[in-house]
Each structure stands twice: as C-alpha cells, then as structure tokens.
Amino acid sequence: MPKLPLVSGTEVIRTLERLGFIVLRQKGSHIILRRGPTGCVVPNHREIKTGTLSGILKQASVSAEEFIETLRK
C-alpha cells in the first residue's frame, strides 16, 4: 500500500466525487457521500490524518492507489 498523502477534507471530497460519489448531506463539519450502496463520512478539516484517510477509503471501498491516482488528475 502506498503512503497516503496529507490532504484537506475538501480535497478528499473532490477526489471522491471524481470517483462517482455524490454528497448527500452535511451535519456540522462531517459530510456524507454515497456511491450506490457504499457510503462514507468525511470530516471537513484543513488536514486529515493518514489513519483517518485510510478509514474513509475503507468505508468507501476505494483503494489507496486509485485514490492517489485520481487525486493527482
């Protein structure tokens, strides 16, 4: 597994939207996204720690490689 980059919540949301997720709703600083039956919760913080990002990607069923590749586009 490649090393996950330090990214903001906005960058994570933008990348997941490129992968087909849509924003359902927001409660406070947490944004809920969904793609088909798969959903995930992303905190809208300036910097998301790598462990938190790893958990988000597990929820979303997205590999780290796929996420990093889409992030760089």
C-alpha atoms as a PDB file:
ATOM      1  CA  MET A   1       0.000   0.000   0.000  1.00  0.00           C
ATOM      2  CA  PRO A   2       1.476   3.365  -0.948  1.00  0.00           C
ATOM      3  CA  LYS A   3       1.941   6.083   1.639  1.00  0.00           C
ATOM      4  CA  LEU A   4      -1.172   8.237   1.866  1.00  0.00           C
ATOM      5  CA  PRO A   5      -0.672  11.988   1.399  1.00  0.00           C
ATOM      6  CA  LEU A   6      -1.762  14.694   3.829  1.00  0.00           C
ATOM      7  CA  VAL A   7      -4.834  16.272   2.252  1.00  0.00           C
ATOM      8  CA  SER A   8      -7.694  18.506   3.338  1.00  0.00           C
ATOM      9  CA  GLY A   9     -11.303  17.408   3.669  1.00  0.00           C
ATOM     10  CA  THR A  10     -12.177  19.460   0.594  1.00  0.00           C
ATOM     11  CA  GLU A  11      -9.564  17.618  -1.485  1.00  0.00           C
ATOM     12  CA  VAL A  12     -10.868  14.237  -0.290  1.00  0.00           C
ATOM     13  CA  ILE A  13     -14.446  15.181  -1.177  1.00  0.00           C
ATOM     14  CA  ARG A  14     -13.408  16.485  -4.614  1.00  0.00           C
ATOM     15  CA  THR A  15     -11.468  13.277  -5.334  1.00  0.00           C
ATOM     16  CA  LEU A  16     -14.315  11.023  -4.209  1.00  0.00           C
ATOM     17  CA  GLU A  17     -16.730  12.994  -6.402  1.00  0.00           C
ATOM     18  CA  ARG A  18     -14.435  12.295  -9.369  1.00  0.00           C
ATOM     19  CA  LEU A  19     -14.735   8.607  -8.465  1.00  0.00           C
ATOM     20  CA  GLY A  20     -18.540   8.764  -8.702  1.00  0.00           C
ATOM     21  CA  PHE A  21     -19.617   9.661  -5.168  1.00  0.00           C
ATOM     22  CA  ILE A  22     -22.292  12.283  -4.561  1.00  0.00           C
ATOM     23  CA  VAL A  23     -22.725  14.492  -1.497  1.00  0.00           C
ATOM     24  CA  LEU A  24     -25.921  13.533   0.339  1.00  0.00           C
ATOM     25  CA  ARG A  25     -25.892  15.860   3.315  1.00  0.00           C
ATOM     26  CA  GLN A  26     -23.780  17.614   5.905  1.00  0.00           C
ATOM     27  CA  LYS A  27     -24.088  17.752   9.663  1.00  0.00           C
ATOM     28  CA  GLY A  28     -21.636  20.132  11.271  1.00  0.00           C
ATOM     29  CA  SER A  29     -18.227  19.537   9.759  1.00  0.00           C
ATOM     30  CA  HIS A  30     -18.996  15.982   8.607  1.00  0.00           C
ATOM     31  CA  ILE A  31     -20.065  15.418   5.006  1.00  0.00           C
ATOM     32  CA  ILE A  32     -21.814  12.197   3.988  1.00  0.00           C
ATOM     33  CA  LEU A  33     -21.148  10.852   0.485  1.00  0.00           C
ATOM     34  CA  ARG A  34     -22.648   7.862  -1.312  1.00  0.00           C
ATOM     35  CA  ARG A  35     -21.992   5.793  -4.434  1.00  0.00           C
ATOM     36  CA  GLY A  36     -24.570   3.068  -4.904  1.00  0.00           C
ATOM     37  CA  PRO A  37     -24.823   1.050  -1.676  1.00  0.00           C
ATOM     38  CA  THR A  38     -21.430   2.325  -0.461  1.00  0.00           C
ATOM     39  CA  GLY A  39     -21.180   5.435   1.654  1.00  0.00           C
ATOM     40  CA  CYS A  40     -18.610   7.268   3.717  1.00  0.00           C
ATOM     41  CA  VAL A  41     -18.280  10.195   6.104  1.00  0.00           C
ATOM     42  CA  VAL A  42     -15.592  12.825   5.511  1.00  0.00           C
ATOM     43  CA  PRO A  43     -14.690  15.446   8.124  1.00  0.00           C
ATOM     44  CA  ASN A  44     -14.267  18.850   6.501  1.00  0.00           C
ATOM     45  CA  HIS A  45     -10.996  19.716   8.237  1.00  0.00           C
ATOM     46  CA  ARG A  46      -7.911  21.558   6.982  1.00  0.00           C
ATOM     47  CA  GLU A  47      -5.790  18.442   7.301  1.00  0.00           C
ATOM     48  CA  ILE A  48      -6.957  14.838   7.523  1.00  0.00           C
ATOM     49  CA  LYS A  49      -4.565  12.466   9.270  1.00  0.00           C
ATOM     50  CA  THR A  50      -3.420   9.417   7.330  1.00  0.00           C
ATOM     51  CA  GLY A  51      -5.185   6.979   9.671  1.00  0.00           C
ATOM     52  CA  THR A  52      -8.467   8.842   9.257  1.00  0.00           C
ATOM     53  CA  LEU A  53      -7.995   8.914   5.480  1.00  0.00           C
ATOM     54  CA  SER A  54      -7.329   5.181   5.495  1.00  0.00           C
ATOM     55  CA  GLY A  55     -10.608   4.617   7.354  1.00  0.00           C
ATOM     56  CA  ILE A  56     -12.503   6.831   4.911  1.00  0.00           C
ATOM     57  CA  LEU A  57     -11.126   4.848   1.967  1.00  0.00           C
ATOM     58  CA  LYS A  58     -12.116   1.560   3.638  1.00  0.00           C
ATOM     59  CA  GLN A  59     -15.673   2.872   4.154  1.00  0.00           C
ATOM     60  CA  ALA A  60     -15.774   3.971   0.525  1.00  0.00           C
ATOM     61  CA  SER A  61     -14.270   0.702  -0.795  1.00  0.00           C
ATOM     62  CA  VAL A  62     -11.626   2.682  -2.676  1.00  0.00           C
ATOM     63  CA  SER A  63      -8.009   1.509  -2.860  1.00  0.00           C
ATOM     64  CA  ALA A  64      -5.196   3.847  -1.868  1.00  0.00           C
ATOM     65  CA  GLU A  65      -3.685   3.540  -5.355  1.00  0.00           C
ATOM     66  CA  GLU A  66      -6.967   4.516  -7.021  1.00  0.00           C
ATOM     67  CA  PHE A  67      -7.397   7.466  -4.647  1.00  0.00           C
ATOM     68  CA  ILE A  68      -3.860   8.806  -5.179  1.00  0.00           C
ATOM     69  CA  GLU A  69      -4.115   8.409  -8.950  1.00  0.00           C
ATOM     70  CA  THR A  70      -7.415  10.316  -9.059  1.00  0.00           C
ATOM     71  CA  LEU A  71      -6.119  12.965  -6.630  1.00  0.00           C
ATOM     72  CA  ARG A  72      -3.254  13.812  -8.987  1.00  0.00           C
ATOM     73  CA  LYS A  73      -5.526  14.381 -12.004  1.00  0.00           C
END
